[in-house]
C-alpha atoms as a PDB file:
ATOM      1  CA  MET A   1     -94.478 -73.656   7.246  1.00  0.00           C
ATOM      2  CA  GLU A   2     -92.307 -72.869  10.301  1.00  0.00           C
ATOM      3  CA  LYS A   3     -90.199 -69.684  10.627  1.00  0.00           C
ATOM      4  CA  GLN A   4     -87.155 -69.053  12.659  1.00  0.00           C
ATOM      5  CA  VAL A   5     -86.017 -65.224  12.991  1.00  0.00           C
ATOM      6  CA  ILE A   6     -82.235 -65.036  13.604  1.00  0.00           C
ATOM      7  CA  LYS A   7     -80.561 -62.039  14.594  1.00  0.00           C
ATOM      8  CA  LEU A   8     -77.027 -62.150  13.674  1.00  0.00           C
ATOM      9  CA  PHE A   9     -74.354 -60.498  15.076  1.00  0.00           C
ATOM     10  CA  PRO A  10     -76.049 -57.915  17.436  1.00  0.00           C
ATOM     11  CA  THR A  11     -74.324 -54.970  19.026  1.00  0.00           C
ATOM     12  CA  LEU A  12     -74.846 -54.742  22.992  1.00  0.00           C
ATOM     13  CA  VAL A  13     -75.054 -51.277  24.325  1.00  0.00           C
ATOM     14  CA  HIS A  14     -76.150 -50.639  27.939  1.00  0.00           C
ATOM     15  CA  HIS A  15     -77.580 -47.153  28.813  1.00  0.00           C
ATOM     16  CA  TYR A  16     -77.958 -46.397  32.499  1.00  0.00           C
ATOM     17  CA  ARG A  17     -79.567 -43.236  33.727  1.00  0.00           C
ATOM     18  CA  GLU A  18     -78.863 -41.324  36.946  1.00  0.00           C
ATOM     19  CA  VAL A  19     -75.723 -43.009  37.671  1.00  0.00           C
ATOM     20  CA  LEU A  20     -74.492 -39.885  39.966  1.00  0.00           C
ATOM     21  CA  SER A  21     -76.096 -37.496  42.018  1.00  0.00           C
ATOM     22  CA  PRO A  22     -76.354 -33.900  41.283  1.00  0.00           C
ATOM     23  CA  VAL A  23     -73.742 -33.263  44.029  1.00  0.00           C
ATOM     24  CA  GLN A  24     -71.384 -35.489  42.577  1.00  0.00           C
ATOM     25  CA  LEU A  25     -71.897 -34.322  39.120  1.00  0.00           C
ATOM     26  CA  ALA A  26     -71.418 -30.895  40.463  1.00  0.00           C
ATOM     27  CA  ALA A  27     -67.925 -31.899  42.118  1.00  0.00           C
ATOM     28  CA  ILE A  28     -66.679 -33.511  38.707  1.00  0.00           C
ATOM     29  CA  ALA A  29     -67.573 -30.887  36.657  1.00  0.00           C
ATOM     30  CA  THR A  30     -66.095 -28.028  38.968  1.00  0.00           C
ATOM     31  CA  HIS A  31     -62.648 -30.215  38.743  1.00  0.00           C
ATOM     32  CA  CYS A  32     -62.833 -30.659  34.886  1.00  0.00           C
ATOM     33  CA  LEU A  33     -63.473 -26.908  34.345  1.00  0.00           C
ATOM     34  CA  SER A  34     -60.773 -25.734  36.788  1.00  0.00           C
ATOM     35  CA  VAL A  35     -58.036 -27.982  35.627  1.00  0.00           C
ATOM     36  CA  GLU A  36     -55.368 -27.182  33.072  1.00  0.00           C
ATOM     37  CA  ALA A  37     -56.104 -29.822  30.134  1.00  0.00           C
ATOM     38  CA  GLY A  38     -54.679 -29.961  26.340  1.00  0.00           C
ATOM     39  CA  GLN A  39     -56.404 -30.882  23.084  1.00  0.00           C
ATOM     40  CA  HIS A  40     -57.431 -34.032  21.956  1.00  0.00           C
ATOM     41  CA  ARG A  41     -57.061 -34.950  18.159  1.00  0.00           C
ATOM     42  CA  ALA A  42     -60.438 -36.220  18.125  1.00  0.00           C
ATOM     43  CA  PHE A  43     -62.131 -32.891  18.352  1.00  0.00           C
ATOM     44  CA  ILE A  44     -62.728 -29.923  16.135  1.00  0.00           C
ATOM     45  CA  GLY A  45     -62.844 -26.620  17.860  1.00  0.00           C
ATOM     46  CA  ASP A  46     -62.872 -24.941  21.310  1.00  0.00           C
ATOM     47  CA  THR A  47     -62.317 -28.170  23.753  1.00  0.00           C
ATOM     48  CA  LYS A  48     -59.987 -29.262  26.278  1.00  0.00           C
ATOM     49  CA  SER A  49     -59.069 -32.714  27.309  1.00  0.00           C
ATOM     50  CA  SER A  50     -57.224 -34.467  29.956  1.00  0.00           C
ATOM     51  CA  PHE A  51     -56.579 -37.413  27.289  1.00  0.00           C
ATOM     52  CA  SER A  52     -53.672 -39.751  28.061  1.00  0.00           C
ATOM     53  CA  ARG A  53     -53.262 -43.598  27.675  1.00  0.00           C
ATOM     54  CA  ASN A  54     -52.040 -43.350  31.207  1.00  0.00           C
ATOM     55  CA  SER A  55     -54.821 -40.996  32.492  1.00  0.00           C
ATOM     56  CA  HIS A  56     -56.642 -42.292  35.715  1.00  0.00           C
ATOM     57  CA  LEU A  57     -59.210 -39.752  36.350  1.00  0.00           C
ATOM     58  CA  ILE A  58     -61.634 -41.538  37.870  1.00  0.00           C
ATOM     59  CA  GLU A  59     -59.206 -42.728  40.689  1.00  0.00           C
ATOM     60  CA  ASN A  60     -57.997 -39.190  41.059  1.00  0.00           C
ATOM     61  CA  LEU A  61     -61.485 -37.802  41.561  1.00  0.00           C
ATOM     62  CA  GLU A  62     -62.278 -40.358  44.205  1.00  0.00           C
ATOM     63  CA  THR A  63     -58.750 -39.708  46.030  1.00  0.00           C
ATOM     64  CA  ASN A  64     -59.565 -35.636  45.850  1.00  0.00           C
ATOM     65  CA  TYR A  65     -63.411 -35.574  46.458  1.00  0.00           C
ATOM     66  CA  PRO A  66     -64.824 -37.392  49.436  1.00  0.00           C
ATOM     67  CA  VAL A  67     -68.174 -36.965  47.923  1.00  0.00           C
ATOM     68  CA  LEU A  68     -67.096 -39.423  44.836  1.00  0.00           C
ATOM     69  CA  LYS A  69     -65.810 -42.339  47.332  1.00  0.00           C
ATOM     70  CA  GLY A  70     -66.838 -45.575  45.560  1.00  0.00           C
ATOM     71  CA  LEU A  71     -66.702 -44.090  42.123  1.00  0.00           C
ATOM     72  CA  HIS A  72     -64.112 -46.153  40.698  1.00  0.00           C
ATOM     73  CA  ASN A  73     -65.354 -49.481  42.091  1.00  0.00           C
ATOM     74  CA  GLY A  74     -69.144 -48.467  41.039  1.00  0.00           C
ATOM     75  CA  LEU A  75     -68.160 -47.762  37.626  1.00  0.00           C
ATOM     76  CA  SER A  76     -66.022 -50.903  37.356  1.00  0.00           C
ATOM     77  CA  LYS A  77     -68.691 -53.318  38.483  1.00  0.00           C
ATOM     78  CA  LEU A  78     -71.144 -51.935  35.499  1.00  0.00           C
ATOM     79  CA  MET A  79     -68.459 -52.409  32.986  1.00  0.00           C
ATOM     80  CA  ILE A  80     -67.600 -55.899  34.233  1.00  0.00           C
ATOM     81  CA  GLY A  81     -71.072 -56.766  34.141  1.00  0.00           C
ATOM     82  CA  TYR A  82     -71.468 -55.543  30.358  1.00  0.00           C
ATOM     83  CA  ALA A  83     -67.982 -57.189  29.560  1.00  0.00           C
ATOM     84  CA  LEU A  84     -69.361 -60.457  30.847  1.00  0.00           C
ATOM     85  CA  GLU A  85     -72.662 -60.157  29.150  1.00  0.00           C
ATOM     86  CA  TYR A  86     -70.537 -59.622  26.017  1.00  0.00           C
ATOM     87  CA  GLY A  87     -68.174 -62.579  26.679  1.00  0.00           C
ATOM     88  CA  PHE A  88     -65.081 -60.850  28.028  1.00  0.00           C
ATOM     89  CA  GLU A  89     -63.610 -62.019  31.166  1.00  0.00           C
ATOM     90  CA  GLY A  90     -61.008 -60.120  33.332  1.00  0.00           C
ATOM     91  CA  ILE A  91     -61.743 -56.807  32.357  1.00  0.00           C
ATOM     92  CA  GLN A  92     -59.990 -53.856  33.998  1.00  0.00           C
ATOM     93  CA  VAL A  93     -60.297 -50.004  33.717  1.00  0.00           C
ATOM     94  CA  LYS A  94     -57.449 -49.035  31.864  1.00  0.00           C
ATOM     95  CA  ASN A  95     -57.495 -45.362  31.567  1.00  0.00           C
ATOM     96  CA  SER A  96     -60.272 -42.476  32.066  1.00  0.00           C
ATOM     97  CA  TRP A  97     -60.191 -38.890  31.174  1.00  0.00           C
ATOM     98  CA  PHE A  98     -62.448 -35.606  30.700  1.00  0.00           C
ATOM     99  CA  ASN A  99     -63.514 -33.847  27.570  1.00  0.00           C
ATOM    100  CA  VAL A 100     -65.068 -30.354  27.527  1.00  0.00           C
ATOM    101  CA  GLN A 101     -66.720 -29.217  24.419  1.00  0.00           C
ATOM    102  CA  ARG A 102     -67.668 -25.504  23.764  1.00  0.00           C
ATOM    103  CA  PRO A 103     -69.894 -24.414  21.471  1.00  0.00           C
ATOM    104  CA  GLY A 104     -69.146 -24.890  17.838  1.00  0.00           C
ATOM    105  CA  SER A 105     -66.987 -27.849  18.727  1.00  0.00           C
ATOM    106  CA  VAL A 106     -67.284 -31.414  17.030  1.00  0.00           C
ATOM    107  CA  LEU A 107     -66.338 -34.814  18.098  1.00  0.00           C
ATOM    108  CA  LYS A 108     -64.970 -36.356  14.936  1.00  0.00           C
ATOM    109  CA  HIS A 109     -65.676 -40.140  14.322  1.00  0.00           C
ATOM    110  CA  HIS A 110     -63.396 -42.481  16.172  1.00  0.00           C
ATOM    111  CA  VAL A 111     -62.800 -45.797  17.483  1.00  0.00           C
ATOM    112  CA  HIS A 112     -60.871 -46.558  20.975  1.00  0.00           C
ATOM    113  CA  THR A 113     -57.898 -48.743  20.061  1.00  0.00           C
ATOM    114  CA  ASP A 114     -56.074 -51.082  22.615  1.00  0.00           C
ATOM    115  CA  SER A 115     -59.518 -51.507  24.613  1.00  0.00           C
ATOM    116  CA  LYS A 116     -62.458 -53.744  24.301  1.00  0.00           C
ATOM    117  CA  ILE A 117     -65.017 -51.938  26.184  1.00  0.00           C
ATOM    118  CA  SER A 118     -65.762 -48.084  26.365  1.00  0.00           C
ATOM    119  CA  ALA A 119     -67.689 -45.873  28.162  1.00  0.00           C
ATOM    120  CA  ALA A 120     -69.174 -42.271  27.999  1.00  0.00           C
ATOM    121  CA  LEU A 121     -70.266 -40.639  31.341  1.00  0.00           C
ATOM    122  CA  PHE A 122     -72.185 -37.551  30.924  1.00  0.00           C
ATOM    123  CA  VAL A 123     -71.299 -35.082  33.649  1.00  0.00           C
ATOM    124  CA  GLN A 124     -72.713 -31.896  32.180  1.00  0.00           C
ATOM    125  CA  ALA A 125     -75.194 -31.699  29.051  1.00  0.00           C
ATOM    126  CA  ASP A 126     -78.355 -30.001  28.104  1.00  0.00           C
ATOM    127  CA  ALA A 127     -80.786 -30.008  25.210  1.00  0.00           C
ATOM    128  CA  GLN A 128     -78.112 -27.736  23.240  1.00  0.00           C
ATOM    129  CA  SER A 129     -75.292 -30.629  23.608  1.00  0.00           C
ATOM    130  CA  SER A 130     -74.591 -32.517  20.551  1.00  0.00           C
ATOM    131  CA  LYS A 131     -75.686 -36.054  20.470  1.00  0.00           C
ATOM    132  CA  LEU A 132     -73.594 -39.163  20.891  1.00  0.00           C
ATOM    133  CA  HIS A 133     -73.789 -41.408  17.450  1.00  0.00           C
ATOM    134  CA  LEU A 134     -72.741 -44.885  17.450  1.00  0.00           C
ATOM    135  CA  GLU A 135     -72.403 -45.944  13.780  1.00  0.00           C
ATOM    136  CA  ASN A 136     -73.476 -49.388  12.519  1.00  0.00           C
ATOM    137  CA  PRO A 137     -70.604 -51.509  11.988  1.00  0.00           C
ATOM    138  CA  ASN A 138     -71.850 -52.798   8.816  1.00  0.00           C
ATOM    139  CA  PRO A 139     -69.718 -51.412   6.034  1.00  0.00           C
ATOM    140  CA  PHE A 140     -72.309 -52.296   3.236  1.00  0.00           C
ATOM    141  CA  LEU A 141     -75.061 -50.062   4.487  1.00  0.00           C
ATOM    142  CA  ASN A 142     -73.897 -47.357   2.063  1.00  0.00           C
ATOM    143  CA  TYR A 143     -74.267 -49.642  -1.052  1.00  0.00           C
ATOM    144  CA  ILE A 144     -77.768 -50.599  -0.279  1.00  0.00           C
ATOM    145  CA  ARG A 145     -79.936 -47.601   0.644  1.00  0.00           C
ATOM    146  CA  PRO A 146     -83.286 -49.135   1.658  1.00  0.00           C
ATOM    147  CA  GLU A 147     -86.383 -47.485   1.163  1.00  0.00           C
ATOM    148  CA  ASN A 148     -87.467 -48.303   4.965  1.00  0.00           C
ATOM    149  CA  PHE A 149     -84.778 -48.154   7.762  1.00  0.00           C
ATOM    150  CA  THR A 150     -85.173 -51.133  10.154  1.00  0.00           C
ATOM    151  CA  GLU A 151     -83.148 -52.064  13.206  1.00  0.00           C
ATOM    152  CA  TYR A 152     -81.137 -54.031  10.425  1.00  0.00           C
ATOM    153  CA  THR A 153     -80.395 -50.952   8.232  1.00  0.00           C
ATOM    154  CA  PHE A 154     -80.180 -47.677  10.562  1.00  0.00           C
ATOM    155  CA  GLU A 155     -76.968 -46.265   9.764  1.00  0.00           C
ATOM    156  CA  TYR A 156     -76.421 -45.034  13.331  1.00  0.00           C
ATOM    157  CA  ALA A 157     -77.755 -44.902  16.868  1.00  0.00           C
ATOM    158  CA  GLN A 158     -78.065 -41.377  18.669  1.00  0.00           C
ATOM    159  CA  PHE A 159     -78.167 -40.589  22.157  1.00  0.00           C
ATOM    160  CA  GLN A 160     -79.120 -37.314  23.660  1.00  0.00           C
ATOM    161  CA  PRO A 161     -76.961 -36.652  26.425  1.00  0.00           C
ATOM    162  CA  VAL A 162     -78.234 -36.269  29.932  1.00  0.00           C
ATOM    163  CA  ALA A 163     -76.086 -35.408  33.035  1.00  0.00           C
ATOM    164  CA  GLY A 164     -75.729 -38.422  34.936  1.00  0.00           C
ATOM    165  CA  ASP A 165     -76.039 -40.816  32.108  1.00  0.00           C
ATOM    166  CA  LEU A 166     -73.611 -43.725  31.406  1.00  0.00           C
ATOM    167  CA  ILE A 167     -73.189 -45.432  27.886  1.00  0.00           C
ATOM    168  CA  LEU A 168     -71.437 -48.581  27.461  1.00  0.00           C
ATOM    169  CA  PHE A 169     -70.274 -49.827  24.071  1.00  0.00           C
ATOM    170  CA  PRO A 170     -67.644 -52.114  22.254  1.00  0.00           C
ATOM    171  CA  SER A 171     -64.602 -49.946  21.835  1.00  0.00           C
ATOM    172  CA  TRP A 172     -64.129 -50.923  18.137  1.00  0.00           C
ATOM    173  CA  ILE A 173     -67.883 -49.207  17.293  1.00  0.00           C
ATOM    174  CA  LYS A 174     -66.964 -45.915  15.612  1.00  0.00           C
ATOM    175  CA  HIS A 175     -68.728 -43.259  17.372  1.00  0.00           C
ATOM    176  CA  GLY A 176     -68.768 -39.410  17.297  1.00  0.00           C
ATOM    177  CA  SER A 177     -71.178 -36.314  17.078  1.00  0.00           C
ATOM    178  CA  GLY A 178     -72.459 -36.990  13.830  1.00  0.00           C
ATOM    179  CA  PHE A 179     -70.599 -33.990  12.329  1.00  0.00           C
ATOM    180  CA  GLU A 180     -73.163 -31.901  14.658  1.00  0.00           C
ATOM    181  CA  ALA A 181     -71.644 -28.995  16.285  1.00  0.00           C
ATOM    182  CA  ASN A 182     -72.181 -28.880  20.072  1.00  0.00           C
ATOM    183  CA  LEU A 183     -74.152 -25.739  21.061  1.00  0.00           C
ATOM    184  CA  SER A 184     -74.220 -25.890  24.970  1.00  0.00           C
ATOM    185  CA  LYS A 185     -71.537 -23.761  26.859  1.00  0.00           C
ATOM    186  CA  ASP A 186     -69.591 -27.003  28.356  1.00  0.00           C
ATOM    187  CA  ARG A 187     -70.394 -30.238  27.281  1.00  0.00           C
ATOM    188  CA  ILE A 188     -68.641 -32.295  29.805  1.00  0.00           C
ATOM    189  CA  VAL A 189     -67.938 -36.201  29.240  1.00  0.00           C
ATOM    190  CA  ILE A 190     -65.744 -38.665  31.226  1.00  0.00           C
ATOM    191  CA  SER A 191     -64.634 -41.392  28.764  1.00  0.00           C
ATOM    192  CA  ILE A 192     -63.332 -44.627  30.283  1.00  0.00           C
ATOM    193  CA  ASN A 193     -61.675 -47.806  28.512  1.00  0.00           C
ATOM    194  CA  ALA A 194     -61.386 -51.185  29.883  1.00  0.00           C
ATOM    195  CA  SER A 195     -59.654 -54.465  28.945  1.00  0.00           C
END
């Protein structure tokens, strides 16, 4: 008897550590905390966000902070590499923005429309920061409730944010904080979309 294991329809996620130096992270955090920003409908509670379909935060940071020179190209290369591995060619960063969460705030589960690849770059986070949850896209998992969870039946994957981490994932993956409230003072993330 011969057995062949076929893993159908895997979801590719890239997780990079220490993408930026402490000096670069501090410059971005200072910027995000000092500028006026509005609210984003993906959040509940005390937050601020520079979200806009036309927001180009990464390019603006690079222009205004010499220590961030090469930020756009560096992040773009990582996203292009991810996209090529996923099967997408000609990917370009379309928009980028910051989100600041304060204690008690929650990131609702959502997807990024009009985008193929998304990224979360954690600028400021600690052990009290809410985790990033990526939901399993299989809609039937709610019906089967397995006795033991395996790589095929987990309902979600979660990542504890660490400053300098970059997580790349398909824009159609539903993500949020798993209804967990953020407890850190200022959880700062740069969100990026590419298509």
